Amino acid sequence: MDTLFLVCSLIFSVLLALCLLRVVGGPTVLDRILGGNVIGTKVTVLLLIIGTLYHRVEMFVDIAIAYALLNFIATLGAAKYFLHSKKVGLQEDD
């Protein structure tokens, strides 16, 4: 069973790297915010998988909930900031 969780954590790590590409090279600010939110969600799931591997789920659930709450608040704050700064829909010139 531990092998299954290890494989799942490796797959989630690869997906995290793909989302990081979206955060770094996103064409708009909203793409970057969404990529950061997806990374936070995947890290929350990874924390739960790590808790299962160490047989200490009760400790890692608390950490995962706190991290997910901080991720949610940060995403809302960034979205509200860029909404009010009127830079949301603009494409970046390279």
N, C-alpha and C. Protein backbone atom coordinates (compact mmCIF):
# COMPACT_ATOMS: atom_id res chain seq x y z
N MET A 1 0.81 -1.19 0.00
CA MET A 1 0.00 0.00 0.00
C MET A 1 0.86 1.26 0.00
N ASP A 2 2.01 1.18 0.68
CA ASP A 2 2.90 2.33 0.68
C ASP A 2 3.43 2.64 -0.71
N THR A 3 3.59 1.61 -1.53
CA THR A 3 4.07 1.83 -2.89
C THR A 3 3.06 2.65 -3.70
N LEU A 4 1.79 2.37 -3.50
CA LEU A 4 0.74 3.13 -4.19
C LEU A 4 0.81 4.61 -3.82
N PHE A 5 0.98 4.89 -2.53
CA PHE A 5 1.06 6.29 -2.09
C PHE A 5 2.33 6.96 -2.59
N LEU A 6 3.42 6.22 -2.67
CA LEU A 6 4.65 6.79 -3.22
C LEU A 6 4.50 7.13 -4.70
N VAL A 7 3.86 6.25 -5.46
CA VAL A 7 3.63 6.51 -6.88
C VAL A 7 2.70 7.71 -7.05
N CYS A 8 1.66 7.78 -6.23
CA CYS A 8 0.75 8.93 -6.30
C CYS A 8 1.47 10.22 -5.97
N SER A 9 2.36 10.18 -4.98
CA SER A 9 3.09 11.41 -4.64
C SER A 9 4.05 11.81 -5.74
N LEU A 10 4.64 10.86 -6.44
CA LEU A 10 5.50 11.19 -7.57
C LEU A 10 4.70 11.80 -8.72
N ILE A 11 3.52 11.26 -8.97
CA ILE A 11 2.66 11.81 -10.02
C ILE A 11 2.23 13.23 -9.66
N PHE A 12 1.88 13.45 -8.40
CA PHE A 12 1.51 14.80 -7.97
C PHE A 12 2.69 15.76 -8.07
N SER A 13 3.89 15.26 -7.84
CA SER A 13 5.08 16.12 -7.96
C SER A 13 5.29 16.55 -9.41
N VAL A 14 5.06 15.64 -10.35
CA VAL A 14 5.17 16.00 -11.77
C VAL A 14 4.09 17.01 -12.14
N LEU A 15 2.89 16.82 -11.65
CA LEU A 15 1.82 17.77 -11.92
C LEU A 15 2.11 19.14 -11.30
N LEU A 16 2.77 19.14 -10.14
CA LEU A 16 3.17 20.41 -9.54
C LEU A 16 4.15 21.15 -10.42
N ALA A 17 5.08 20.41 -11.02
CA ALA A 17 6.05 21.05 -11.92
C ALA A 17 5.36 21.64 -13.14
N LEU A 18 4.36 20.95 -13.67
CA LEU A 18 3.61 21.48 -14.81
C LEU A 18 2.84 22.75 -14.43
N CYS A 19 2.27 22.76 -13.24
CA CYS A 19 1.56 23.96 -12.78
C CYS A 19 2.53 25.10 -12.53
N LEU A 20 3.74 24.78 -12.10
CA LEU A 20 4.75 25.82 -11.90
C LEU A 20 5.12 26.49 -13.22
N LEU A 21 5.11 25.72 -14.30
CA LEU A 21 5.34 26.31 -15.62
C LEU A 21 4.26 27.33 -15.97
N ARG A 22 3.02 27.05 -15.57
CA ARG A 22 1.92 27.98 -15.82
C ARG A 22 2.08 29.24 -14.98
N VAL A 23 2.58 29.09 -13.75
CA VAL A 23 2.77 30.26 -12.90
C VAL A 23 3.89 31.14 -13.44
N VAL A 24 4.97 30.52 -13.89
CA VAL A 24 6.11 31.29 -14.38
C VAL A 24 5.83 31.89 -15.76
N GLY A 25 5.23 31.10 -16.65
CA GLY A 25 5.06 31.57 -18.01
C GLY A 25 3.64 31.86 -18.43
N GLY A 26 2.76 32.09 -17.45
CA GLY A 26 1.37 32.36 -17.81
C GLY A 26 1.21 33.64 -18.60
N PRO A 27 0.36 33.64 -19.61
CA PRO A 27 0.22 34.84 -20.42
C PRO A 27 -0.48 35.99 -19.69
N THR A 28 -1.36 35.68 -18.75
CA THR A 28 -2.06 36.74 -18.02
C THR A 28 -1.87 36.55 -16.52
N VAL A 29 -2.25 37.58 -15.79
CA VAL A 29 -2.16 37.52 -14.34
C VAL A 29 -3.11 36.47 -13.78
N LEU A 30 -4.29 36.34 -14.38
CA LEU A 30 -5.25 35.35 -13.90
C LEU A 30 -4.74 33.93 -14.07
N ASP A 31 -4.00 33.65 -15.15
CA ASP A 31 -3.40 32.33 -15.31
C ASP A 31 -2.40 32.05 -14.20
N ARG A 32 -1.65 33.04 -13.83
CA ARG A 32 -0.67 32.86 -12.76
C ARG A 32 -1.34 32.66 -11.41
N ILE A 33 -2.40 33.40 -11.15
CA ILE A 33 -3.12 33.22 -9.89
C ILE A 33 -3.74 31.83 -9.83
N LEU A 34 -4.35 31.41 -10.91
CA LEU A 34 -4.96 30.08 -10.95
C LEU A 34 -3.92 28.99 -10.80
N GLY A 35 -2.76 29.16 -11.44
CA GLY A 35 -1.68 28.18 -11.30
C GLY A 35 -1.19 28.08 -9.86
N GLY A 36 -1.08 29.23 -9.19
CA GLY A 36 -0.68 29.21 -7.78
C GLY A 36 -1.70 28.53 -6.90
N ASN A 37 -2.98 28.74 -7.21
CA ASN A 37 -4.04 28.09 -6.45
C ASN A 37 -4.01 26.57 -6.66
N VAL A 38 -3.78 26.14 -7.87
CA VAL A 38 -3.71 24.70 -8.15
C VAL A 38 -2.50 24.07 -7.44
N ILE A 39 -1.39 24.80 -7.42
CA ILE A 39 -0.21 24.30 -6.70
C ILE A 39 -0.53 24.13 -5.22
N GLY A 40 -1.21 25.10 -4.64
CA GLY A 40 -1.58 24.99 -3.23
C GLY A 40 -2.50 23.82 -2.95
N THR A 41 -3.42 23.55 -3.85
CA THR A 41 -4.33 22.42 -3.68
C THR A 41 -3.57 21.10 -3.78
N LYS A 42 -2.66 21.00 -4.72
CA LYS A 42 -1.88 19.77 -4.86
C LYS A 42 -0.94 19.55 -3.68
N VAL A 43 -0.40 20.63 -3.13
CA VAL A 43 0.45 20.50 -1.95
C VAL A 43 -0.37 20.03 -0.76
N THR A 44 -1.60 20.46 -0.65
CA THR A 44 -2.49 19.99 0.41
C THR A 44 -2.70 18.48 0.31
N VAL A 45 -2.94 18.00 -0.90
CA VAL A 45 -3.12 16.56 -1.10
C VAL A 45 -1.82 15.81 -0.81
N LEU A 46 -0.69 16.38 -1.21
CA LEU A 46 0.60 15.76 -0.91
C LEU A 46 0.85 15.67 0.60
N LEU A 47 0.44 16.69 1.34
CA LEU A 47 0.58 16.63 2.79
C LEU A 47 -0.22 15.47 3.39
N LEU A 48 -1.41 15.26 2.85
CA LEU A 48 -2.22 14.14 3.34
C LEU A 48 -1.60 12.79 2.97
N ILE A 49 -1.02 12.69 1.79
CA ILE A 49 -0.35 11.46 1.39
C ILE A 49 0.87 11.20 2.27
N ILE A 50 1.63 12.25 2.57
CA ILE A 50 2.78 12.10 3.46
C ILE A 50 2.33 11.65 4.85
N GLY A 51 1.24 12.21 5.33
CA GLY A 51 0.70 11.78 6.62
C GLY A 51 0.31 10.32 6.62
N THR A 52 -0.23 9.85 5.51
CA THR A 52 -0.58 8.43 5.41
C THR A 52 0.67 7.56 5.39
N LEU A 53 1.70 8.01 4.70
CA LEU A 53 2.94 7.23 4.65
C LEU A 53 3.62 7.13 6.01
N TYR A 54 3.58 8.21 6.78
CA TYR A 54 4.20 8.20 8.11
C TYR A 54 3.26 7.69 9.20
N HIS A 55 2.05 7.32 8.84
CA HIS A 55 1.04 6.81 9.79
C HIS A 55 0.74 7.84 10.88
N ARG A 56 0.74 9.11 10.50
CA ARG A 56 0.41 10.21 11.41
C ARG A 56 -0.56 11.16 10.71
N VAL A 57 -1.64 10.61 10.21
CA VAL A 57 -2.59 11.42 9.44
C VAL A 57 -3.20 12.53 10.29
N GLU A 58 -3.43 12.24 11.56
CA GLU A 58 -4.08 13.24 12.41
C GLU A 58 -3.26 14.52 12.54
N MET A 59 -1.94 14.40 12.51
CA MET A 59 -1.09 15.59 12.60
C MET A 59 -1.05 16.32 11.26
N PHE A 60 -0.93 15.57 10.17
CA PHE A 60 -0.81 16.18 8.86
C PHE A 60 -2.13 16.77 8.36
N VAL A 61 -3.25 16.28 8.86
CA VAL A 61 -4.54 16.86 8.47
C VAL A 61 -4.64 18.30 8.97
N ASP A 62 -4.18 18.53 10.20
CA ASP A 62 -4.21 19.89 10.74
C ASP A 62 -3.33 20.83 9.91
N ILE A 63 -2.15 20.35 9.54
CA ILE A 63 -1.24 21.17 8.73
C ILE A 63 -1.85 21.42 7.36
N ALA A 64 -2.46 20.39 6.75
CA ALA A 64 -3.05 20.53 5.43
C ALA A 64 -4.22 21.50 5.43
N ILE A 65 -5.04 21.46 6.48
CA ILE A 65 -6.18 22.39 6.56
C ILE A 65 -5.69 23.83 6.71
N ALA A 66 -4.68 24.03 7.55
CA ALA A 66 -4.14 25.38 7.72
C ALA A 66 -3.53 25.89 6.42
N TYR A 67 -2.80 25.02 5.72
CA TYR A 67 -2.19 25.42 4.46
C TYR A 67 -3.25 25.73 3.40
N ALA A 68 -4.29 24.92 3.34
CA ALA A 68 -5.36 25.16 2.36
C ALA A 68 -6.09 26.48 2.66
N LEU A 69 -6.28 26.79 3.93
CA LEU A 69 -6.93 28.05 4.29
C LEU A 69 -6.06 29.24 3.91
N LEU A 70 -4.76 29.15 4.17
CA LEU A 70 -3.85 30.23 3.78
C LEU A 70 -3.79 30.39 2.26
N ASN A 71 -3.81 29.27 1.54
CA ASN A 71 -3.81 29.31 0.08
C ASN A 71 -5.06 29.99 -0.44
N PHE A 72 -6.19 29.67 0.14
CA PHE A 72 -7.45 30.27 -0.29
C PHE A 72 -7.47 31.77 -0.03
N ILE A 73 -7.02 32.18 1.15
CA ILE A 73 -7.00 33.61 1.48
C ILE A 73 -6.03 34.36 0.58
N ALA A 74 -4.87 33.76 0.30
CA ALA A 74 -3.88 34.42 -0.57
C ALA A 74 -4.40 34.55 -1.99
N THR A 75 -5.11 33.54 -2.47
CA THR A 75 -5.67 33.60 -3.82
C THR A 75 -6.74 34.69 -3.92
N LEU A 76 -7.59 34.76 -2.92
CA LEU A 76 -8.61 35.82 -2.92
C LEU A 76 -7.98 37.20 -2.83
N GLY A 77 -6.96 37.33 -2.00
CA GLY A 77 -6.28 38.62 -1.88
C GLY A 77 -5.61 39.04 -3.17
N ALA A 78 -4.92 38.11 -3.83
CA ALA A 78 -4.26 38.44 -5.09
C ALA A 78 -5.28 38.78 -6.17
N ALA A 79 -6.36 38.03 -6.24
CA ALA A 79 -7.38 38.30 -7.25
C ALA A 79 -8.03 39.66 -7.02
N LYS A 80 -8.29 39.99 -5.76
CA LYS A 80 -8.90 41.28 -5.47
C LYS A 80 -7.94 42.43 -5.76
N TYR A 81 -6.68 42.24 -5.45
CA TYR A 81 -5.69 43.28 -5.72
C TYR A 81 -5.58 43.56 -7.21
N PHE A 82 -5.45 42.50 -8.01
CA PHE A 82 -5.29 42.71 -9.44
C PHE A 82 -6.59 43.14 -10.11
N LEU A 83 -7.72 42.82 -9.52
CA LEU A 83 -8.99 43.30 -10.05
C LEU A 83 -9.11 44.82 -9.87
N HIS A 84 -8.67 45.31 -8.73
CA HIS A 84 -8.75 46.75 -8.48
C HIS A 84 -7.64 47.53 -9.18
N SER A 85 -6.55 46.87 -9.52
CA SER A 85 -5.48 47.60 -10.18
C SER A 85 -5.67 47.64 -11.70
N LYS A 86 -6.73 47.03 -12.19
CA LYS A 86 -7.11 47.07 -13.61
C LYS A 86 -6.06 46.47 -14.54
N LYS A 87 -5.28 45.51 -14.03
CA LYS A 87 -4.27 44.86 -14.85
C LYS A 87 -4.62 43.40 -15.15
N VAL A 88 -5.85 43.02 -14.93
CA VAL A 88 -6.22 41.62 -15.05
C VAL A 88 -6.25 41.16 -16.50
N GLY A 89 -6.89 41.88 -17.37
CA GLY A 89 -7.10 41.42 -18.72
C GLY A 89 -5.99 41.76 -19.70
N LEU A 90 -4.96 42.41 -19.25
CA LEU A 90 -3.91 42.86 -20.16
C LEU A 90 -2.92 41.75 -20.45
N GLN A 91 -2.55 41.61 -21.70
CA GLN A 91 -1.50 40.68 -22.09
C GLN A 91 -0.15 41.32 -21.84
N GLU A 92 0.81 40.50 -21.47
CA GLU A 92 2.16 41.04 -21.25
C GLU A 92 2.92 41.05 -22.55
N ASP A 93 3.67 42.11 -22.81
CA ASP A 93 4.50 42.20 -24.00
C ASP A 93 5.85 41.61 -23.70
N ASP A 94 6.28 40.68 -24.56
CA ASP A 94 7.62 40.07 -24.36
C ASP A 94 8.60 40.65 -25.34
